[in-house]
N, C-alpha and C. Protein backbone atom coordinates (compact mmCIF):
# COMPACT_ATOMS: atom_id res chain seq x y z
N MET A 1 0.84 -1.17 0.00
CA MET A 1 0.00 0.00 0.00
C MET A 1 0.90 1.24 0.00
N GLU A 2 0.64 2.14 -0.91
CA GLU A 2 1.39 3.38 -1.02
C GLU A 2 0.67 4.48 -0.24
N ILE A 3 1.40 5.12 0.67
CA ILE A 3 0.83 6.20 1.46
C ILE A 3 1.57 7.48 1.08
N SER A 4 0.83 8.47 0.64
CA SER A 4 1.44 9.72 0.21
C SER A 4 1.76 10.60 1.43
N LYS A 5 2.54 11.66 1.18
CA LYS A 5 2.85 12.61 2.25
C LYS A 5 1.58 13.28 2.74
N ASN A 6 0.64 13.53 1.84
CA ASN A 6 -0.64 14.13 2.23
C ASN A 6 -1.41 13.19 3.15
N ASP A 7 -1.41 11.89 2.83
CA ASP A 7 -2.08 10.90 3.68
C ASP A 7 -1.47 10.89 5.08
N ILE A 8 -0.15 10.93 5.14
CA ILE A 8 0.54 10.93 6.43
C ILE A 8 0.17 12.17 7.24
N ALA A 9 0.10 13.32 6.57
CA ALA A 9 -0.27 14.55 7.27
C ALA A 9 -1.68 14.46 7.84
N ILE A 10 -2.60 13.89 7.08
CA ILE A 10 -3.98 13.73 7.55
C ILE A 10 -4.04 12.78 8.74
N ILE A 11 -3.30 11.68 8.66
CA ILE A 11 -3.28 10.71 9.76
C ILE A 11 -2.69 11.37 11.01
N GLU A 12 -1.61 12.13 10.86
CA GLU A 12 -1.01 12.83 12.00
C GLU A 12 -2.01 13.79 12.64
N GLN A 13 -2.70 14.55 11.83
CA GLN A 13 -3.69 15.50 12.37
C GLN A 13 -4.80 14.78 13.12
N ALA A 14 -5.26 13.67 12.55
CA ALA A 14 -6.34 12.91 13.20
C ALA A 14 -5.88 12.33 14.53
N LEU A 15 -4.66 11.79 14.57
CA LEU A 15 -4.15 11.21 15.81
C LEU A 15 -3.92 12.29 16.87
N LYS A 16 -3.42 13.44 16.46
CA LYS A 16 -3.21 14.53 17.42
C LYS A 16 -4.55 15.01 17.99
N ALA A 17 -5.54 15.17 17.13
CA ALA A 17 -6.87 15.60 17.59
C ALA A 17 -7.48 14.57 18.53
N ALA A 18 -7.35 13.30 18.18
CA ALA A 18 -7.90 12.24 19.03
C ALA A 18 -7.19 12.21 20.38
N SER A 19 -5.88 12.42 20.34
CA SER A 19 -5.10 12.41 21.58
C SER A 19 -5.50 13.57 22.49
N ILE A 20 -5.72 14.74 21.92
CA ILE A 20 -6.11 15.92 22.70
C ILE A 20 -7.50 15.73 23.32
N ASN A 21 -8.39 15.08 22.58
CA ASN A 21 -9.77 14.93 23.04
C ASN A 21 -10.03 13.69 23.90
N SER A 22 -9.01 12.88 24.08
CA SER A 22 -9.19 11.65 24.86
C SER A 22 -8.84 11.88 26.32
N THR A 23 -9.49 11.14 27.19
CA THR A 23 -9.15 11.16 28.61
C THR A 23 -8.57 9.82 29.06
N ASP A 24 -8.49 8.88 28.14
CA ASP A 24 -7.96 7.55 28.44
C ASP A 24 -6.45 7.55 28.21
N TYR A 25 -5.67 7.42 29.27
CA TYR A 25 -4.22 7.51 29.17
C TYR A 25 -3.62 6.42 28.30
N GLU A 26 -4.16 5.23 28.33
CA GLU A 26 -3.66 4.14 27.48
C GLU A 26 -3.89 4.47 26.01
N GLU A 27 -5.05 5.01 25.72
CA GLU A 27 -5.38 5.38 24.34
C GLU A 27 -4.45 6.51 23.86
N ILE A 28 -4.21 7.49 24.69
CA ILE A 28 -3.31 8.59 24.34
C ILE A 28 -1.92 8.06 24.07
N GLU A 29 -1.46 7.14 24.89
CA GLU A 29 -0.14 6.54 24.71
C GLU A 29 -0.06 5.79 23.37
N GLN A 30 -1.11 5.10 23.00
CA GLN A 30 -1.14 4.40 21.71
C GLN A 30 -1.07 5.40 20.56
N PHE A 31 -1.82 6.49 20.66
CA PHE A 31 -1.78 7.52 19.62
C PHE A 31 -0.37 8.09 19.48
N GLU A 32 0.27 8.39 20.61
CA GLU A 32 1.60 8.96 20.58
C GLU A 32 2.63 7.99 20.03
N THR A 33 2.47 6.71 20.32
CA THR A 33 3.37 5.69 19.78
C THR A 33 3.29 5.65 18.26
N VAL A 34 2.07 5.67 17.74
CA VAL A 34 1.88 5.65 16.29
C VAL A 34 2.43 6.94 15.67
N LEU A 35 2.22 8.08 16.32
CA LEU A 35 2.75 9.33 15.81
C LEU A 35 4.28 9.29 15.71
N LYS A 36 4.93 8.69 16.70
CA LYS A 36 6.38 8.56 16.66
C LYS A 36 6.81 7.67 15.50
N LYS A 37 6.08 6.58 15.27
CA LYS A 37 6.40 5.69 14.15
C LYS A 37 6.23 6.40 12.82
N ILE A 38 5.17 7.20 12.71
CA ILE A 38 4.93 7.95 11.47
C ILE A 38 6.05 8.94 11.25
N ASP A 39 6.50 9.60 12.31
CA ASP A 39 7.56 10.59 12.20
C ASP A 39 8.85 9.93 11.71
N ILE A 40 9.17 8.77 12.25
CA ILE A 40 10.37 8.04 11.84
C ILE A 40 10.24 7.59 10.39
N THR A 41 9.08 7.08 10.03
CA THR A 41 8.84 6.60 8.68
C THR A 41 8.91 7.73 7.67
N SER A 42 8.27 8.85 7.98
CA SER A 42 8.26 9.96 7.03
C SER A 42 9.64 10.57 6.90
N SER A 43 10.43 10.58 7.97
CA SER A 43 11.80 11.08 7.89
C SER A 43 12.64 10.19 6.99
N ALA A 44 12.49 8.90 7.12
CA ALA A 44 13.25 7.96 6.29
C ALA A 44 12.84 8.07 4.83
N GLN A 45 11.56 8.29 4.57
CA GLN A 45 11.10 8.42 3.20
C GLN A 45 11.60 9.72 2.59
N ASN A 46 11.73 10.76 3.37
CA ASN A 46 12.11 12.06 2.85
C ASN A 46 13.58 12.15 2.48
N ASP A 47 14.46 11.45 3.20
CA ASP A 47 15.88 11.62 2.91
C ASP A 47 16.41 10.65 1.86
N GLY A 48 15.61 9.71 1.42
CA GLY A 48 16.03 8.81 0.36
C GLY A 48 16.86 7.64 0.82
N PHE A 49 17.09 7.51 2.11
CA PHE A 49 17.88 6.41 2.62
C PHE A 49 17.00 5.44 3.37
N ARG A 50 17.39 4.18 3.32
CA ARG A 50 16.71 3.16 4.11
C ARG A 50 17.67 2.72 5.18
N TYR A 51 17.24 2.80 6.41
CA TYR A 51 18.10 2.45 7.53
C TYR A 51 17.87 0.99 7.90
N ASP A 52 18.94 0.22 7.80
CA ASP A 52 18.87 -1.20 8.13
C ASP A 52 19.97 -1.45 9.16
N TYR A 53 19.58 -1.80 10.34
CA TYR A 53 20.52 -1.97 11.43
C TYR A 53 20.88 -3.45 11.62
N ASP A 54 21.30 -4.09 10.57
CA ASP A 54 21.69 -5.49 10.63
C ASP A 54 23.15 -5.58 11.02
N ASP A 55 23.44 -6.14 12.17
CA ASP A 55 24.82 -6.27 12.65
C ASP A 55 25.38 -7.66 12.39
N SER A 56 24.84 -8.39 11.47
CA SER A 56 25.28 -9.77 11.23
C SER A 56 26.67 -9.82 10.58
N SER A 57 27.23 -8.69 10.18
CA SER A 57 28.55 -8.70 9.53
C SER A 57 29.68 -8.84 10.51
N SER A 58 29.41 -8.80 11.81
CA SER A 58 30.47 -8.84 12.84
C SER A 58 31.11 -10.18 12.89
């Protein structure tokens, strides 16, 4: 599935709004976890590099 930058922005806005309007701490934590993953993913997509932390070459 291909997700555009616009799609990511919409998902981020929705998660932030849901987090602000929620009173359930577990739910807020889940929203923030997903937001962090989106931030990492969008950063990796933007710089053109894929980060692979495979240390099997040791």
